[in-house]
Amino acid sequence: MKINETIEVKRDPAAVWELFQNIPELAQCLPGAELTEDRGDGTYAGKVSAKLGPMTQTFEGEATVEVDPASRSGSVNGKGVDKSGGSVGQVKMKYAIEATDVGTRVDVEADVLLSGAAAQFGRTGLIKEMSNRLIAEFVKCIEAKLAAGSKEEAALVQASEVKGFSLFLSSLIAAITKFFKRMFGGGTRDE
C-alpha cells in the first residue's frame, strides 16, 4: 500500500532537519512507537503498537535510517513481526524537507506491506484513514518539540496515546463518509 503525505510545519527547515536527525527524539512523536536500542550505523531496534478495537498488533523489529544532508532527505527501511498474531509489517519510506513561505514542508512517500491479520485493515482502506490521524498527532508533537524552551523541555514532549477503539471508529466513519460522498456526488440529501 502506497502512502503519500505532505506535512506542513511552521518552523525553520534547519530546526526541522535537526530534529529529524535525532532518531530517539523523533520516535517520541510517533504514536505507539518505542525505540529500544541504537545498534549503530543508522540501525535501530524498536516496536510499534497499534490498537484496533479489541485487537492489538505489536510489531517488533528493526529499521535502518539513511540521510542525505545535502538534499535534506532520507529514507527508512523497517520490518517487524507481531509475535502474538503472526502479522508481518514492512515499510520503505522516503522523506524530503523543503523550505516554504511559512516554514517547512516534509514530503513523505511510504510503501507499507502487511501480511497476516493486520493485512485485513489495509484492504479496507482503514490504514490510510488511521495514518492521516497519526500524522496529525506526529505534526502536533514536532511543533511542540520545536517550540520547547530547552532541550530538556523538548525531551519531555511525546505523542499522545492514540486510543485504538476511538481511532478505529473515527477511521471507519471517515471511510464510510468518503464512500457515500463518492456514491452521491459529495452532497447530503435531507429527507
Protein backbone atom coordinates (compact mmCIF):
# COMPACT_ATOMS: atom_id res chain seq x y z
CA MET A 1 0.00 0.00 0.00
CA LYS A 2 1.38 3.39 -1.01
CA ILE A 3 1.03 6.34 1.35
CA ASN A 4 1.99 9.83 0.19
CA GLU A 5 1.71 12.66 2.70
CA THR A 6 2.81 16.25 2.95
CA ILE A 7 3.48 17.59 6.42
CA GLU A 8 3.48 21.35 6.97
CA VAL A 9 5.42 22.65 9.98
CA LYS A 10 5.59 26.34 10.88
CA ARG A 11 9.25 26.15 11.82
CA ASP A 12 12.63 26.79 10.21
CA PRO A 13 13.83 23.96 7.87
CA ALA A 14 17.18 23.77 9.67
CA ALA A 15 15.43 23.11 13.00
CA VAL A 16 13.14 20.51 11.43
CA TRP A 17 16.13 18.80 9.77
CA GLU A 18 18.00 18.74 13.08
CA LEU A 19 15.02 17.09 14.80
CA PHE A 20 14.76 14.50 12.00
CA GLN A 21 18.41 13.56 12.67
CA ASN A 22 17.70 12.88 16.35
CA ILE A 23 16.02 9.48 15.96
CA PRO A 24 15.25 8.93 19.68
CA GLU A 25 13.51 12.35 19.85
CA LEU A 26 11.67 11.80 16.58
CA ALA A 27 10.49 8.35 17.69
CA GLN A 28 8.76 10.01 20.66
CA CYS A 29 6.49 11.77 18.16
CA LEU A 30 5.28 8.55 16.53
CA PRO A 31 2.18 7.34 18.39
CA GLY A 32 2.64 3.75 19.54
CA ALA A 33 6.37 3.66 18.71
CA GLU A 34 9.11 2.75 21.16
CA LEU A 35 12.81 2.82 20.33
CA THR A 36 14.51 0.03 22.29
CA GLU A 37 18.09 0.05 21.01
CA ASP A 38 20.51 2.06 18.88
CA ARG A 39 22.53 -0.62 17.09
CA GLY A 40 24.84 1.88 15.39
CA ASP A 41 25.33 2.80 11.74
CA GLY A 42 21.77 4.13 11.47
CA THR A 43 20.13 0.89 12.59
CA TYR A 44 17.59 0.91 15.41
CA ALA A 45 15.53 -1.77 17.16
CA GLY A 46 12.07 -0.99 18.40
CA LYS A 47 8.41 -1.76 18.37
CA VAL A 48 5.24 -0.17 17.11
CA SER A 49 1.86 -0.96 18.68
CA ALA A 50 -1.50 -0.34 17.09
CA LYS A 51 -4.76 -1.00 18.90
CA LEU A 52 -7.63 -1.79 16.59
CA GLY A 53 -10.74 -2.38 18.65
CA PRO A 54 -10.11 -5.48 20.78
CA MET A 55 -7.02 -6.41 18.74
CA THR A 56 -3.53 -5.06 19.50
CA GLN A 57 -0.76 -5.57 16.99
CA THR A 58 2.77 -5.02 18.34
CA PHE A 59 5.39 -5.20 15.63
CA GLU A 60 8.89 -5.78 16.99
CA GLY A 61 11.75 -5.32 14.59
CA GLU A 62 14.47 -3.17 13.14
CA ALA A 63 14.75 -0.07 10.99
CA THR A 64 17.66 1.39 9.08
CA VAL A 65 17.83 5.15 8.56
CA GLU A 66 19.91 6.75 5.81
CA VAL A 67 20.21 10.52 5.34
CA ASP A 68 21.48 12.90 2.67
CA PRO A 69 22.31 16.22 4.37
CA ALA A 70 22.97 17.97 1.04
CA SER A 71 19.37 17.50 -0.11
CA ARG A 72 17.82 17.33 3.38
CA SER A 73 16.28 13.99 2.57
CA GLY A 74 16.44 10.48 3.90
CA SER A 75 14.97 7.01 3.91
CA VAL A 76 13.80 4.49 6.47
CA ASN A 77 13.54 0.77 5.80
CA GLY A 78 11.94 -1.30 8.52
CA LYS A 79 10.47 -4.69 9.19
CA GLY A 80 8.62 -6.01 12.21
CA VAL A 81 6.76 -9.09 13.35
CA ASP A 82 3.76 -9.32 15.66
CA LYS A 83 4.66 -12.49 17.52
CA SER A 84 1.25 -12.97 19.11
CA GLY A 85 -0.80 -12.60 15.92
CA GLY A 86 1.68 -13.69 13.30
CA SER A 87 1.39 -10.49 11.26
CA VAL A 88 4.41 -9.07 9.48
CA GLY A 89 4.85 -5.44 8.53
CA GLN A 90 7.41 -3.82 6.25
CA VAL A 91 7.86 -0.17 5.41
CA LYS A 92 10.07 1.61 2.91
CA MET A 93 9.81 5.34 3.41
CA LYS A 94 11.50 8.35 1.83
CA TYR A 95 11.23 11.92 3.05
CA ALA A 96 12.40 15.31 1.84
CA ILE A 97 12.46 18.56 3.82
CA GLU A 98 11.98 21.86 1.97
CA ALA A 99 11.56 25.49 2.96
CA THR A 100 8.22 27.20 2.31
CA ASP A 101 6.98 30.77 2.73
CA VAL A 102 5.59 29.92 6.18
CA GLY A 103 8.05 27.31 7.43
CA THR A 104 8.83 23.81 6.25
CA ARG A 105 7.22 21.13 4.13
CA VAL A 106 8.10 17.48 4.61
CA ASP A 107 7.08 15.22 1.72
CA VAL A 108 6.77 11.58 2.73
CA GLU A 109 6.40 8.58 0.42
CA ALA A 110 5.91 5.21 2.07
CA ASP A 111 5.30 1.75 0.78
CA VAL A 112 3.72 -0.39 3.51
CA LEU A 113 3.33 -4.14 3.18
CA LEU A 114 1.23 -6.02 5.73
CA SER A 115 0.58 -9.74 5.95
CA GLY A 116 -1.40 -11.81 8.42
CA ALA A 117 -4.30 -10.44 10.47
CA ALA A 118 -3.10 -6.83 10.04
CA ALA A 119 -3.49 -7.08 6.26
CA GLN A 120 -7.31 -7.01 6.51
CA PHE A 121 -7.17 -3.38 7.66
CA GLY A 122 -5.01 -2.41 4.67
CA ARG A 123 -7.55 -3.85 2.26
CA THR A 124 -10.43 -1.85 3.73
CA GLY A 125 -8.65 1.49 3.46
CA LEU A 126 -8.66 1.96 7.24
CA ILE A 127 -4.85 2.07 7.38
CA LYS A 128 -4.89 5.20 5.18
CA GLU A 129 -7.51 6.87 7.37
CA MET A 130 -5.60 5.96 10.53
CA SER A 131 -2.33 7.18 9.03
CA ASN A 132 -3.93 10.61 8.49
CA ARG A 133 -4.81 10.82 12.19
CA LEU A 134 -1.42 9.53 13.30
CA ILE A 135 0.35 12.05 11.06
CA ALA A 136 -1.72 14.87 12.59
CA GLU A 137 -0.54 13.76 16.05
CA PHE A 138 3.05 13.49 14.74
CA VAL A 139 2.96 17.07 13.41
CA LYS A 140 1.49 18.37 16.68
CA CYS A 141 4.30 16.68 18.61
CA ILE A 142 7.02 18.03 16.28
CA GLU A 143 5.62 21.55 16.64
CA ALA A 144 5.67 21.19 20.44
CA LYS A 145 9.24 19.85 20.48
CA LEU A 146 10.46 22.69 18.27
CA ALA A 147 8.62 25.28 20.39
CA ALA A 148 10.12 24.00 23.65
CA GLY A 149 12.34 26.44 25.50
CA SER A 150 15.18 23.98 26.10
CA LYS A 151 16.43 20.55 25.05
CA GLU A 152 15.26 19.21 28.40
CA GLU A 153 11.72 20.51 27.80
CA ALA A 154 11.74 19.12 24.25
CA ALA A 155 12.77 15.68 25.57
CA LEU A 156 9.63 15.61 27.72
CA VAL A 157 7.31 16.15 24.75
CA GLN A 158 5.81 12.92 23.43
CA ALA A 159 2.97 11.95 21.15
CA SER A 160 -0.31 11.48 22.95
CA GLU A 161 -1.55 7.94 23.31
CA VAL A 162 -3.89 7.14 20.47
CA LYS A 163 -6.92 5.25 21.71
CA GLY A 164 -7.32 2.28 19.43
CA PHE A 165 -11.07 1.85 19.51
CA SER A 166 -11.88 5.53 19.03
CA LEU A 167 -9.25 5.75 16.28
CA PHE A 168 -10.72 2.68 14.62
CA LEU A 169 -14.27 4.06 14.84
CA SER A 170 -13.36 7.52 13.59
CA SER A 171 -11.39 5.95 10.73
CA LEU A 172 -14.30 3.68 9.87
CA ILE A 173 -16.74 6.61 9.90
CA ALA A 174 -14.40 8.65 7.69
CA ALA A 175 -14.12 5.75 5.21
CA ILE A 176 -17.90 5.28 5.11
CA THR A 177 -18.47 9.01 4.67
CA LYS A 178 -15.95 9.12 1.82
CA PHE A 179 -17.67 6.15 0.17
CA PHE A 180 -21.10 7.83 0.33
CA LYS A 181 -19.72 11.12 -0.95
CA ARG A 182 -18.33 9.30 -3.98
CA MET A 183 -21.61 7.45 -4.49
CA PHE A 184 -23.84 10.51 -4.20
CA GLY A 185 -21.62 13.24 -5.59
CA GLY A 186 -20.38 14.71 -2.32
CA GLY A 187 -23.66 16.22 -1.20
CA THR A 188 -26.02 15.18 1.54
CA ARG A 189 -29.71 14.70 0.99
CA ASP A 190 -32.26 15.81 3.53
CA GLU A 191 -35.42 13.73 3.58
